[in-house]
Amino acid sequence: MQRFLIITSNCLLLVLLLIGLPAATRARLGDWQISSFSTGTVLMFWGLGLAAGLNVVAALVFAKGRKGKILCWEWAAIFGALLLAYDGYLRGSLHFDWFTRVLELLRKHM
């Protein structure tokens, strides 16, 4: 039951952060963007950091048994990796130019 609770709560957090948060912070009214880009960025950083921190706390304090602790540490690593990837993308050190080139190559051959 504990594993189910850990997986379900983390999946809900992941969906909320990766789908719900960008949809809520990029509200538009016609051609005008209502919310600012920095608001969404700050909320995403806080959300990913908080999710990783809560998983660390859950692994240290609340998880009972070895499997539950390992699962919490795995989710903390996932959220930490997403935080690092998002930071790298915003700073410009993580590029997706290779992906654009692959898609253009596929479009030429189809």
N, C-alpha and C. Protein backbone atom coordinates (compact mmCIF):
# COMPACT_ATOMS: atom_id res chain seq x y z
N MET A 1 0.82 -1.19 0.00
CA MET A 1 0.00 0.00 0.00
C MET A 1 0.87 1.26 0.00
N GLN A 2 1.99 1.21 0.71
CA GLN A 2 2.88 2.36 0.78
C GLN A 2 3.50 2.64 -0.59
N ARG A 3 3.89 1.60 -1.31
CA ARG A 3 4.45 1.78 -2.65
C ARG A 3 3.43 2.42 -3.58
N PHE A 4 2.19 1.98 -3.50
CA PHE A 4 1.13 2.55 -4.33
C PHE A 4 0.93 4.03 -4.03
N LEU A 5 0.96 4.38 -2.77
CA LEU A 5 0.80 5.77 -2.37
C LEU A 5 1.97 6.64 -2.86
N ILE A 6 3.19 6.12 -2.77
CA ILE A 6 4.37 6.86 -3.22
C ILE A 6 4.31 7.07 -4.74
N ILE A 7 4.03 6.02 -5.47
CA ILE A 7 3.99 6.11 -6.93
C ILE A 7 2.86 7.02 -7.39
N THR A 8 1.69 6.88 -6.81
CA THR A 8 0.53 7.69 -7.21
C THR A 8 0.76 9.17 -6.91
N SER A 9 1.24 9.48 -5.73
CA SER A 9 1.44 10.89 -5.39
C SER A 9 2.53 11.52 -6.26
N ASN A 10 3.59 10.79 -6.55
CA ASN A 10 4.65 11.34 -7.40
C ASN A 10 4.21 11.48 -8.85
N CYS A 11 3.43 10.56 -9.35
CA CYS A 11 2.90 10.68 -10.71
C CYS A 11 1.96 11.89 -10.81
N LEU A 12 1.15 12.10 -9.80
CA LEU A 12 0.27 13.28 -9.80
C LEU A 12 1.08 14.57 -9.75
N LEU A 13 2.13 14.60 -8.94
CA LEU A 13 3.01 15.76 -8.91
C LEU A 13 3.67 16.00 -10.26
N LEU A 14 4.10 14.94 -10.89
CA LEU A 14 4.77 15.05 -12.19
C LEU A 14 3.81 15.60 -13.25
N VAL A 15 2.60 15.10 -13.28
CA VAL A 15 1.59 15.60 -14.22
C VAL A 15 1.26 17.05 -13.93
N LEU A 16 1.09 17.38 -12.67
CA LEU A 16 0.79 18.75 -12.28
C LEU A 16 1.90 19.71 -12.70
N LEU A 17 3.15 19.32 -12.50
CA LEU A 17 4.28 20.19 -12.82
C LEU A 17 4.55 20.28 -14.31
N LEU A 18 4.45 19.18 -15.04
CA LEU A 18 4.83 19.19 -16.44
C LEU A 18 3.69 19.53 -17.39
N ILE A 19 2.45 19.36 -16.97
CA ILE A 19 1.32 19.68 -17.83
C ILE A 19 0.50 20.84 -17.27
N GLY A 20 0.12 20.74 -16.01
CA GLY A 20 -0.77 21.74 -15.43
C GLY A 20 -0.14 23.10 -15.22
N LEU A 21 1.07 23.12 -14.72
CA LEU A 21 1.75 24.40 -14.43
C LEU A 21 2.03 25.21 -15.69
N PRO A 22 2.59 24.63 -16.76
CA PRO A 22 2.78 25.42 -17.97
C PRO A 22 1.47 25.90 -18.58
N ALA A 23 0.44 25.08 -18.50
CA ALA A 23 -0.86 25.49 -19.05
C ALA A 23 -1.45 26.64 -18.25
N ALA A 24 -1.25 26.64 -16.95
CA ALA A 24 -1.80 27.70 -16.11
C ALA A 24 -1.01 29.00 -16.20
N THR A 25 0.29 28.92 -16.38
CA THR A 25 1.11 30.13 -16.38
C THR A 25 1.27 30.74 -17.76
N ARG A 26 0.87 30.07 -18.79
CA ARG A 26 0.97 30.64 -20.14
C ARG A 26 -0.41 31.01 -20.67
N ALA A 27 -1.18 31.67 -19.84
CA ALA A 27 -2.52 32.08 -20.23
C ALA A 27 -2.45 33.21 -21.25
N ARG A 28 -3.29 33.14 -22.25
CA ARG A 28 -3.32 34.16 -23.30
C ARG A 28 -4.75 34.68 -23.47
N LEU A 29 -4.81 35.92 -23.85
CA LEU A 29 -6.06 36.55 -24.20
C LEU A 29 -5.86 37.14 -25.59
N GLY A 30 -6.26 36.39 -26.61
CA GLY A 30 -5.99 36.80 -27.97
C GLY A 30 -4.50 36.67 -28.26
N ASP A 31 -3.88 37.77 -28.66
CA ASP A 31 -2.44 37.78 -28.91
C ASP A 31 -1.64 38.24 -27.71
N TRP A 32 -2.27 38.56 -26.63
CA TRP A 32 -1.59 39.06 -25.43
C TRP A 32 -1.38 37.92 -24.45
N GLN A 33 -0.18 37.84 -23.94
CA GLN A 33 0.11 36.85 -22.90
C GLN A 33 -0.12 37.50 -21.54
N ILE A 34 -1.00 36.91 -20.75
CA ILE A 34 -1.41 37.50 -19.48
C ILE A 34 -0.33 37.34 -18.41
N SER A 35 0.21 36.14 -18.28
CA SER A 35 1.21 35.91 -17.24
C SER A 35 2.61 36.05 -17.83
N SER A 36 3.56 36.32 -16.95
CA SER A 36 4.93 36.52 -17.41
C SER A 36 5.67 35.19 -17.47
N PHE A 37 6.73 35.16 -18.27
CA PHE A 37 7.56 33.98 -18.41
C PHE A 37 8.29 33.67 -17.10
N SER A 38 8.72 34.72 -16.40
CA SER A 38 9.47 34.51 -15.17
C SER A 38 8.62 33.87 -14.08
N THR A 39 7.33 34.16 -14.06
CA THR A 39 6.44 33.53 -13.08
C THR A 39 6.40 32.03 -13.28
N GLY A 40 6.24 31.59 -14.51
CA GLY A 40 6.22 30.15 -14.80
C GLY A 40 7.54 29.48 -14.49
N THR A 41 8.64 30.18 -14.77
CA THR A 41 9.96 29.62 -14.50
C THR A 41 10.19 29.44 -13.01
N VAL A 42 9.86 30.46 -12.24
CA VAL A 42 10.05 30.38 -10.78
C VAL A 42 9.16 29.29 -10.19
N LEU A 43 7.92 29.21 -10.63
CA LEU A 43 7.03 28.17 -10.12
C LEU A 43 7.52 26.77 -10.47
N MET A 44 8.06 26.62 -11.68
CA MET A 44 8.58 25.30 -12.07
C MET A 44 9.80 24.92 -11.23
N PHE A 45 10.72 25.87 -11.02
CA PHE A 45 11.88 25.58 -10.17
C PHE A 45 11.45 25.22 -8.75
N TRP A 46 10.55 26.00 -8.17
CA TRP A 46 10.09 25.72 -6.81
C TRP A 46 9.35 24.38 -6.75
N GLY A 47 8.53 24.10 -7.74
CA GLY A 47 7.78 22.85 -7.75
C GLY A 47 8.68 21.63 -7.85
N LEU A 48 9.66 21.67 -8.77
CA LEU A 48 10.57 20.54 -8.91
C LEU A 48 11.46 20.38 -7.68
N GLY A 49 11.93 21.50 -7.15
CA GLY A 49 12.76 21.44 -5.94
C GLY A 49 11.99 20.93 -4.74
N LEU A 50 10.75 21.39 -4.61
CA LEU A 50 9.92 20.95 -3.49
C LEU A 50 9.58 19.47 -3.61
N ALA A 51 9.28 19.01 -4.82
CA ALA A 51 8.98 17.59 -5.02
C ALA A 51 10.20 16.72 -4.69
N ALA A 52 11.38 17.15 -5.13
CA ALA A 52 12.59 16.38 -4.81
C ALA A 52 12.85 16.40 -3.30
N GLY A 53 12.69 17.56 -2.67
CA GLY A 53 12.90 17.67 -1.23
C GLY A 53 11.92 16.85 -0.42
N LEU A 54 10.66 16.85 -0.83
CA LEU A 54 9.67 16.04 -0.12
C LEU A 54 9.94 14.55 -0.24
N ASN A 55 10.46 14.13 -1.38
CA ASN A 55 10.82 12.72 -1.53
C ASN A 55 12.01 12.36 -0.66
N VAL A 56 12.96 13.26 -0.50
CA VAL A 56 14.10 13.01 0.39
C VAL A 56 13.61 12.91 1.83
N VAL A 57 12.74 13.82 2.24
CA VAL A 57 12.19 13.78 3.60
C VAL A 57 11.39 12.51 3.81
N ALA A 58 10.60 12.13 2.82
CA ALA A 58 9.82 10.89 2.93
C ALA A 58 10.73 9.68 3.05
N ALA A 59 11.84 9.67 2.31
CA ALA A 59 12.78 8.54 2.39
C ALA A 59 13.45 8.48 3.75
N LEU A 60 13.76 9.63 4.33
CA LEU A 60 14.47 9.65 5.61
C LEU A 60 13.55 9.45 6.81
N VAL A 61 12.31 9.95 6.72
CA VAL A 61 11.46 9.97 7.91
C VAL A 61 10.28 9.01 7.81
N PHE A 62 9.54 9.07 6.72
CA PHE A 62 8.24 8.40 6.67
C PHE A 62 8.25 7.01 6.07
N ALA A 63 9.13 6.73 5.13
CA ALA A 63 9.12 5.44 4.45
C ALA A 63 9.58 4.33 5.39
N LYS A 64 8.81 3.28 5.38
CA LYS A 64 9.14 2.12 6.21
C LYS A 64 9.56 0.99 5.27
N GLY A 65 10.62 0.37 5.58
CA GLY A 65 11.11 -0.72 4.75
C GLY A 65 12.07 -0.23 3.68
N ARG A 66 12.87 -1.16 3.24
CA ARG A 66 13.92 -0.82 2.27
C ARG A 66 13.35 -0.44 0.92
N LYS A 67 12.32 -1.15 0.45
CA LYS A 67 11.75 -0.87 -0.87
C LYS A 67 11.11 0.51 -0.94
N GLY A 68 10.44 0.91 0.10
CA GLY A 68 9.82 2.23 0.13
C GLY A 68 10.84 3.35 0.12
N LYS A 69 11.92 3.15 0.87
CA LYS A 69 12.99 4.16 0.90
C LYS A 69 13.68 4.28 -0.45
N ILE A 70 13.96 3.15 -1.09
CA ILE A 70 14.59 3.17 -2.40
C ILE A 70 13.69 3.85 -3.42
N LEU A 71 12.40 3.59 -3.35
CA LEU A 71 11.46 4.21 -4.26
C LEU A 71 11.42 5.73 -4.09
N CYS A 72 11.44 6.18 -2.85
CA CYS A 72 11.47 7.63 -2.59
C CYS A 72 12.77 8.26 -3.11
N TRP A 73 13.89 7.58 -2.93
CA TRP A 73 15.16 8.10 -3.43
C TRP A 73 15.17 8.13 -4.96
N GLU A 74 14.56 7.14 -5.59
CA GLU A 74 14.48 7.14 -7.05
C GLU A 74 13.65 8.32 -7.56
N TRP A 75 12.53 8.58 -6.91
CA TRP A 75 11.69 9.72 -7.32
C TRP A 75 12.40 11.04 -7.05
N ALA A 76 13.14 11.12 -5.97
CA ALA A 76 13.91 12.33 -5.69
C ALA A 76 14.96 12.54 -6.79
N ALA A 77 15.57 11.47 -7.24
CA ALA A 77 16.55 11.57 -8.33
C ALA A 77 15.89 12.00 -9.64
N ILE A 78 14.69 11.50 -9.90
CA ILE A 78 13.95 11.88 -11.11
C ILE A 78 13.64 13.37 -11.10
N PHE A 79 13.10 13.85 -9.99
CA PHE A 79 12.77 15.27 -9.90
C PHE A 79 14.03 16.14 -9.90
N GLY A 80 15.10 15.66 -9.29
CA GLY A 80 16.37 16.39 -9.33
C GLY A 80 16.94 16.47 -10.73
N ALA A 81 16.84 15.38 -11.49
CA ALA A 81 17.32 15.38 -12.87
C ALA A 81 16.48 16.30 -13.74
N LEU A 82 15.18 16.32 -13.52
CA LEU A 82 14.32 17.25 -14.25
C LEU A 82 14.66 18.69 -13.91
N LEU A 83 14.98 18.95 -12.66
CA LEU A 83 15.37 20.30 -12.25
C LEU A 83 16.66 20.72 -12.94
N LEU A 84 17.64 19.84 -12.99
CA LEU A 84 18.90 20.14 -13.67
C LEU A 84 18.70 20.31 -15.18
N ALA A 85 17.87 19.47 -15.78
CA ALA A 85 17.61 19.58 -17.21
C ALA A 85 16.90 20.89 -17.54
N TYR A 86 15.95 21.28 -16.72
CA TYR A 86 15.22 22.53 -16.94
C TYR A 86 16.15 23.73 -16.78
N ASP A 87 17.02 23.66 -15.80
CA ASP A 87 18.00 24.72 -15.60
C ASP A 87 18.95 24.81 -16.80
N GLY A 88 19.42 23.67 -17.27
CA GLY A 88 20.30 23.66 -18.43
C GLY A 88 19.63 24.17 -19.69
N TYR A 89 18.35 23.85 -19.85
CA TYR A 89 17.60 24.34 -21.00
C TYR A 89 17.43 25.85 -20.95
N LEU A 90 17.12 26.39 -19.79
CA LEU A 90 16.92 27.83 -19.67
C LEU A 90 18.22 28.61 -19.80
N ARG A 91 19.32 28.05 -19.33
CA ARG A 91 20.61 28.73 -19.44
C ARG A 91 21.23 28.60 -20.83
N GLY A 92 20.67 27.71 -21.65
CA GLY A 92 21.16 27.55 -23.01
C GLY A 92 22.22 26.49 -23.17
N SER A 93 22.55 25.77 -22.13
CA SER A 93 23.58 24.74 -22.26
C SER A 93 23.01 23.40 -22.72
N LEU A 94 21.70 23.25 -22.70
CA LEU A 94 21.03 22.04 -23.18
C LEU A 94 20.26 22.40 -24.44
N HIS A 95 20.77 21.99 -25.59
CA HIS A 95 20.19 22.36 -26.87
C HIS A 95 19.46 21.18 -27.49
N PHE A 96 18.46 21.50 -28.28
CA PHE A 96 17.74 20.48 -29.03
C PHE A 96 17.88 20.72 -30.52
N ASP A 97 19.01 21.31 -30.95
CA ASP A 97 19.24 21.55 -32.36
C ASP A 97 19.37 20.23 -33.12
N TRP A 98 19.95 19.24 -32.50
CA TRP A 98 20.11 17.94 -33.14
C TRP A 98 18.76 17.33 -33.45
N PHE A 99 17.79 17.54 -32.55
CA PHE A 99 16.45 16.98 -32.75
C PHE A 99 15.75 17.68 -33.91
N THR A 100 15.94 18.99 -34.02
CA THR A 100 15.36 19.75 -35.13
C THR A 100 15.95 19.27 -36.45
N ARG A 101 17.26 19.05 -36.49
CA ARG A 101 17.90 18.57 -37.71
C ARG A 101 17.40 17.18 -38.10
N VAL A 102 17.20 16.30 -37.12
CA VAL A 102 16.70 14.95 -37.41
C VAL A 102 15.28 15.03 -37.97
N LEU A 103 14.44 15.89 -37.38
CA LEU A 103 13.08 16.02 -37.88
C LEU A 103 13.05 16.60 -39.29
N GLU A 104 13.91 17.56 -39.59
CA GLU A 104 13.98 18.12 -40.93
C GLU A 104 14.47 17.09 -41.93
N LEU A 105 15.43 16.26 -41.52
CA LEU A 105 15.92 15.20 -42.38
C LEU A 105 14.82 14.18 -42.67
N LEU A 106 14.05 13.83 -41.65
CA LEU A 106 12.94 12.90 -41.86
C LEU A 106 11.87 13.50 -42.77
N ARG A 107 11.61 14.78 -42.65
CA ARG A 107 10.60 15.43 -43.47
C ARG A 107 11.05 15.45 -44.94
N LYS A 108 12.33 15.62 -45.20
CA LYS A 108 12.84 15.63 -46.58
C LYS A 108 12.72 14.27 -47.22
N HIS A 109 12.87 13.21 -46.44
CA HIS A 109 12.85 11.86 -47.00
C HIS A 109 11.44 11.26 -47.07
N MET A 110 10.47 11.95 -46.55
CA MET A 110 9.11 11.39 -46.58
C MET A 110 8.24 12.09 -47.56
